[in-house]
Amino acid sequence: MDNLMTKIYLLIAGMIIILVGGFISLTPNEYLASMNVQNSSLDRNLSSYVSLLSDLRAMGGLMIVIGLSIFMATFRNDLMKSAVLISTTFYATFVVFRVLGFLLDGIPQFEIMLAFLIEVILAFCGLFLILLKRHQHQYKAPRLVNPAVNN
């Protein structure tokens, strides 16, 4: 049962990261517009704008690669444990730094708060899976390998 929960978690967590990363890297202007940042509100210096687009594309590309590695672990049992850890760390990092942003900058628009809620849920689901695995391994009987027999 927990293997199925892990697969579902990795599938959802990976797809979300891939989709968001794809949106940011492939359409950075639309991403900025979704944040109510218009070209006219940016610095008129074209090189600054090109640098911002470059950074957005690079960060989005990194998200795509992380999302793909998490998503692909859905189909590889040997990669699941590390993928859950990476996914949980990814989403928990977003949660921590969004909270920091709330404290320093104020409360953002609704879409960011919705993303924050999804990130909190996925971070806690990943943490639950990690703790569940740890709990299961804690109660397994130790296995003896080639026990020594004294004569």
C-alpha atoms as a PDB file:
ATOM      1  CA  MET A   1       0.000   0.000   0.000  1.00  0.00           C
ATOM      2  CA  ASP A   2       2.714   2.474   0.925  1.00  0.00           C
ATOM      3  CA  ASN A   3       4.491   1.710  -2.374  1.00  0.00           C
ATOM      4  CA  LEU A   4       1.347   2.777  -4.231  1.00  0.00           C
ATOM      5  CA  MET A   5       1.123   5.943  -2.098  1.00  0.00           C
ATOM      6  CA  THR A   6       4.759   6.691  -2.893  1.00  0.00           C
ATOM      7  CA  LYS A   7       4.201   6.211  -6.620  1.00  0.00           C
ATOM      8  CA  ILE A   8       1.154   8.480  -6.620  1.00  0.00           C
ATOM      9  CA  TYR A   9       3.057  11.107  -4.631  1.00  0.00           C
ATOM     10  CA  LEU A  10       6.059  11.009  -6.979  1.00  0.00           C
ATOM     11  CA  LEU A  11       3.824  11.152 -10.045  1.00  0.00           C
ATOM     12  CA  ILE A  12       1.930  14.224  -8.824  1.00  0.00           C
ATOM     13  CA  ALA A  13       4.949  15.980  -7.305  1.00  0.00           C
ATOM     14  CA  GLY A  14       7.079  15.419 -10.402  1.00  0.00           C
ATOM     15  CA  MET A  15       4.392  16.498 -12.876  1.00  0.00           C
ATOM     16  CA  ILE A  16       3.729  19.736 -11.008  1.00  0.00           C
ATOM     17  CA  ILE A  17       7.429  20.639 -10.999  1.00  0.00           C
ATOM     18  CA  ILE A  18       7.747  19.764 -14.710  1.00  0.00           C
ATOM     19  CA  LEU A  19       4.701  21.862 -15.643  1.00  0.00           C
ATOM     20  CA  VAL A  20       5.737  24.899 -13.598  1.00  0.00           C
ATOM     21  CA  GLY A  21       9.335  24.638 -14.802  1.00  0.00           C
ATOM     22  CA  GLY A  22       8.154  24.348 -18.392  1.00  0.00           C
ATOM     23  CA  PHE A  23       5.909  27.396 -18.022  1.00  0.00           C
ATOM     24  CA  ILE A  24       8.730  29.471 -16.544  1.00  0.00           C
ATOM     25  CA  SER A  25      11.457  28.370 -18.953  1.00  0.00           C
ATOM     26  CA  LEU A  26       9.480  28.267 -22.184  1.00  0.00           C
ATOM     27  CA  THR A  27       7.284  31.351 -21.649  1.00  0.00           C
ATOM     28  CA  PRO A  28       9.093  33.659 -19.212  1.00  0.00           C
ATOM     29  CA  ASN A  29       7.202  36.729 -20.446  1.00  0.00           C
ATOM     30  CA  GLU A  30       3.864  35.087 -19.680  1.00  0.00           C
ATOM     31  CA  TYR A  31       5.224  33.972 -16.316  1.00  0.00           C
ATOM     32  CA  LEU A  32       6.165  37.581 -15.497  1.00  0.00           C
ATOM     33  CA  ALA A  33       2.760  38.785 -16.701  1.00  0.00           C
ATOM     34  CA  SER A  34       1.062  36.254 -14.425  1.00  0.00           C
ATOM     35  CA  MET A  35       2.901  37.938 -11.556  1.00  0.00           C
ATOM     36  CA  ASN A  36       1.637  41.342 -12.723  1.00  0.00           C
ATOM     37  CA  VAL A  37       5.136  42.311 -13.864  1.00  0.00           C
ATOM     38  CA  GLN A  38       4.850  44.070 -17.194  1.00  0.00           C
ATOM     39  CA  ASN A  39       7.718  44.813 -19.548  1.00  0.00           C
ATOM     40  CA  SER A  40       7.183  48.535 -18.976  1.00  0.00           C
ATOM     41  CA  SER A  41       7.644  48.152 -15.225  1.00  0.00           C
ATOM     42  CA  LEU A  42      11.034  46.527 -15.702  1.00  0.00           C
ATOM     43  CA  ASP A  43      14.227  48.482 -16.158  1.00  0.00           C
ATOM     44  CA  ARG A  44      14.346  50.005 -19.641  1.00  0.00           C
ATOM     45  CA  ASN A  45      17.876  48.647 -20.003  1.00  0.00           C
ATOM     46  CA  LEU A  46      17.481  45.784 -22.486  1.00  0.00           C
ATOM     47  CA  SER A  47      20.454  43.854 -21.095  1.00  0.00           C
ATOM     48  CA  SER A  48      18.834  43.773 -17.630  1.00  0.00           C
ATOM     49  CA  TYR A  49      15.641  42.405 -19.136  1.00  0.00           C
ATOM     50  CA  VAL A  50      17.514  39.799 -21.173  1.00  0.00           C
ATOM     51  CA  SER A  51      19.415  38.795 -18.023  1.00  0.00           C
ATOM     52  CA  LEU A  52      16.138  38.357 -16.120  1.00  0.00           C
ATOM     53  CA  LEU A  53      14.720  36.190 -18.913  1.00  0.00           C
ATOM     54  CA  SER A  54      17.929  34.151 -18.943  1.00  0.00           C
ATOM     55  CA  ASP A  55      17.701  33.564 -15.188  1.00  0.00           C
ATOM     56  CA  LEU A  56      14.043  32.577 -15.436  1.00  0.00           C
ATOM     57  CA  ARG A  57      14.748  30.123 -18.255  1.00  0.00           C
ATOM     58  CA  ALA A  58      17.655  28.599 -16.318  1.00  0.00           C
ATOM     59  CA  MET A  59      15.612  28.200 -13.122  1.00  0.00           C
ATOM     60  CA  GLY A  60      12.697  26.760 -15.084  1.00  0.00           C
ATOM     61  CA  GLY A  61      15.048  24.326 -16.820  1.00  0.00           C
ATOM     62  CA  LEU A  62      16.417  23.200 -13.464  1.00  0.00           C
ATOM     63  CA  MET A  63      12.869  22.632 -12.286  1.00  0.00           C
ATOM     64  CA  ILE A  64      12.133  20.530 -15.380  1.00  0.00           C
ATOM     65  CA  VAL A  65      15.167  18.317 -14.722  1.00  0.00           C
ATOM     66  CA  ILE A  66      14.318  17.909 -11.018  1.00  0.00           C
ATOM     67  CA  GLY A  67      10.693  17.175 -11.897  1.00  0.00           C
ATOM     68  CA  LEU A  68      11.705  14.614 -14.509  1.00  0.00           C
ATOM     69  CA  SER A  69      13.975  12.804 -12.062  1.00  0.00           C
ATOM     70  CA  ILE A  70      11.177  12.689  -9.482  1.00  0.00           C
ATOM     71  CA  PHE A  71       8.604  11.621 -12.075  1.00  0.00           C
ATOM     72  CA  MET A  72      10.853   8.884 -13.522  1.00  0.00           C
ATOM     73  CA  ALA A  73      11.388   7.427 -10.046  1.00  0.00           C
ATOM     74  CA  THR A  74       7.686   6.538 -10.100  1.00  0.00           C
ATOM     75  CA  PHE A  75       8.673   3.649 -12.365  1.00  0.00           C
ATOM     76  CA  ARG A  76      11.917   2.648 -10.622  1.00  0.00           C
ATOM     77  CA  ASN A  77      11.661   1.186  -7.124  1.00  0.00           C
ATOM     78  CA  ASP A  78      15.380   1.647  -6.548  1.00  0.00           C
ATOM     79  CA  LEU A  79      15.057   5.426  -7.068  1.00  0.00           C
ATOM     80  CA  MET A  80      11.905   6.027  -5.038  1.00  0.00           C
ATOM     81  CA  LYS A  81      13.519   6.671  -1.661  1.00  0.00           C
ATOM     82  CA  SER A  82      15.896   9.338  -2.953  1.00  0.00           C
ATOM     83  CA  ALA A  83      13.186  10.877  -5.147  1.00  0.00           C
ATOM     84  CA  VAL A  84      10.850  11.270  -2.157  1.00  0.00           C
ATOM     85  CA  LEU A  85      13.673  12.936  -0.246  1.00  0.00           C
ATOM     86  CA  ILE A  86      14.466  15.285  -3.149  1.00  0.00           C
ATOM     87  CA  SER A  87      10.800  16.128  -3.697  1.00  0.00           C
ATOM     88  CA  THR A  88      10.169  16.749  -0.007  1.00  0.00           C
ATOM     89  CA  THR A  89      13.245  18.961   0.210  1.00  0.00           C
ATOM     90  CA  PHE A  90      12.212  20.839  -2.934  1.00  0.00           C
ATOM     91  CA  TYR A  91       8.705  21.618  -1.704  1.00  0.00           C
ATOM     92  CA  ALA A  92       9.783  22.294   1.894  1.00  0.00           C
ATOM     93  CA  THR A  93      12.365  24.791   0.630  1.00  0.00           C
ATOM     94  CA  PHE A  94       9.657  26.642  -1.269  1.00  0.00           C
ATOM     95  CA  VAL A  95       7.493  26.675   1.867  1.00  0.00           C
ATOM     96  CA  VAL A  96      10.270  28.024   4.107  1.00  0.00           C
ATOM     97  CA  PHE A  97      11.314  30.763   1.725  1.00  0.00           C
ATOM     98  CA  ARG A  98       7.738  31.765   0.879  1.00  0.00           C
ATOM     99  CA  VAL A  99       7.057  32.169   4.610  1.00  0.00           C
ATOM    100  CA  LEU A 100      10.217  34.272   4.834  1.00  0.00           C
ATOM    101  CA  GLY A 101       8.907  36.328   1.929  1.00  0.00           C
ATOM    102  CA  PHE A 102       5.544  36.768   3.657  1.00  0.00           C
ATOM    103  CA  LEU A 103       7.324  38.087   6.738  1.00  0.00           C
ATOM    104  CA  LEU A 104       9.695  40.383   4.854  1.00  0.00           C
ATOM    105  CA  ASP A 105       7.592  41.480   1.880  1.00  0.00           C
ATOM    106  CA  GLY A 106       3.953  40.949   2.815  1.00  0.00           C
ATOM    107  CA  ILE A 107       1.223  38.638   1.570  1.00  0.00           C
ATOM    108  CA  PRO A 108       1.290  38.024  -2.206  1.00  0.00           C
ATOM    109  CA  GLN A 109      -1.602  37.612  -4.625  1.00  0.00           C
ATOM    110  CA  PHE A 110      -4.062  34.708  -4.501  1.00  0.00           C
ATOM    111  CA  GLU A 111      -2.272  32.550  -7.097  1.00  0.00           C
ATOM    112  CA  ILE A 112       0.931  32.539  -5.050  1.00  0.00           C
ATOM    113  CA  MET A 113      -1.013  31.677  -1.895  1.00  0.00           C
ATOM    114  CA  LEU A 114      -2.631  28.776  -3.755  1.00  0.00           C
ATOM    115  CA  ALA A 115       0.804  27.590  -4.910  1.00  0.00           C
ATOM    116  CA  PHE A 116       1.982  27.912  -1.288  1.00  0.00           C
ATOM    117  CA  LEU A 117      -0.891  25.704  -0.100  1.00  0.00           C
ATOM    118  CA  ILE A 118      -0.047  23.036  -2.694  1.00  0.00           C
ATOM    119  CA  GLU A 119       3.633  23.214  -1.701  1.00  0.00           C
ATOM    120  CA  VAL A 120       2.743  22.783   1.985  1.00  0.00           C
ATOM    121  CA  ILE A 121       0.576  19.761   1.193  1.00  0.00           C
ATOM    122  CA  LEU A 122       3.259  18.122  -0.964  1.00  0.00           C
ATOM    123  CA  ALA A 123       6.009  18.850   1.582  1.00  0.00           C
ATOM    124  CA  PHE A 124       3.949  17.263   4.371  1.00  0.00           C
ATOM    125  CA  CYS A 125       2.955  14.279   2.207  1.00  0.00           C
ATOM    126  CA  GLY A 126       6.627  13.652   1.428  1.00  0.00           C
ATOM    127  CA  LEU A 127       7.550  13.998   5.083  1.00  0.00           C
ATOM    128  CA  PHE A 128       4.768  11.550   5.969  1.00  0.00           C
ATOM    129  CA  LEU A 129       6.137   9.003   3.482  1.00  0.00           C
ATOM    130  CA  ILE A 130       9.669   9.403   4.856  1.00  0.00           C
ATOM    131  CA  LEU A 131       8.472   8.924   8.439  1.00  0.00           C
ATOM    132  CA  LEU A 132       6.282   5.991   7.412  1.00  0.00           C
ATOM    133  CA  LYS A 133       9.248   4.201   5.838  1.00  0.00           C
ATOM    134  CA  ARG A 134      11.443   4.943   8.854  1.00  0.00           C
ATOM    135  CA  HIS A 135       8.745   3.617  11.205  1.00  0.00           C
ATOM    136  CA  GLN A 136       8.350   0.405   9.183  1.00  0.00           C
ATOM    137  CA  HIS A 137      12.086  -0.280   9.127  1.00  0.00           C
ATOM    138  CA  GLN A 138      12.353   0.376  12.861  1.00  0.00           C
ATOM    139  CA  TYR A 139      10.112  -2.579  13.722  1.00  0.00           C
ATOM    140  CA  LYS A 140      11.560  -5.172  11.355  1.00  0.00           C
ATOM    141  CA  ALA A 141      13.378  -7.997  13.072  1.00  0.00           C
ATOM    142  CA  PRO A 142      17.116  -7.967  12.475  1.00  0.00           C
ATOM    143  CA  ARG A 143      18.252 -10.572   9.986  1.00  0.00           C
ATOM    144  CA  LEU A 144      21.160 -12.783  10.872  1.00  0.00           C
ATOM    145  CA  VAL A 145      23.635 -13.439   8.128  1.00  0.00           C
ATOM    146  CA  ASN A 146      25.772 -16.537   8.492  1.00  0.00           C
ATOM    147  CA  PRO A 147      25.477 -16.841  12.274  1.00  0.00           C
ATOM    148  CA  ALA A 148      28.575 -18.227  13.914  1.00  0.00           C
ATOM    149  CA  VAL A 149      28.134 -21.531  15.746  1.00  0.00           C
ATOM    150  CA  ASN A 150      30.530 -22.217  18.603  1.00  0.00           C
ATOM    151  CA  ASN A 151      31.432 -25.884  19.176  1.00  0.00           C
END
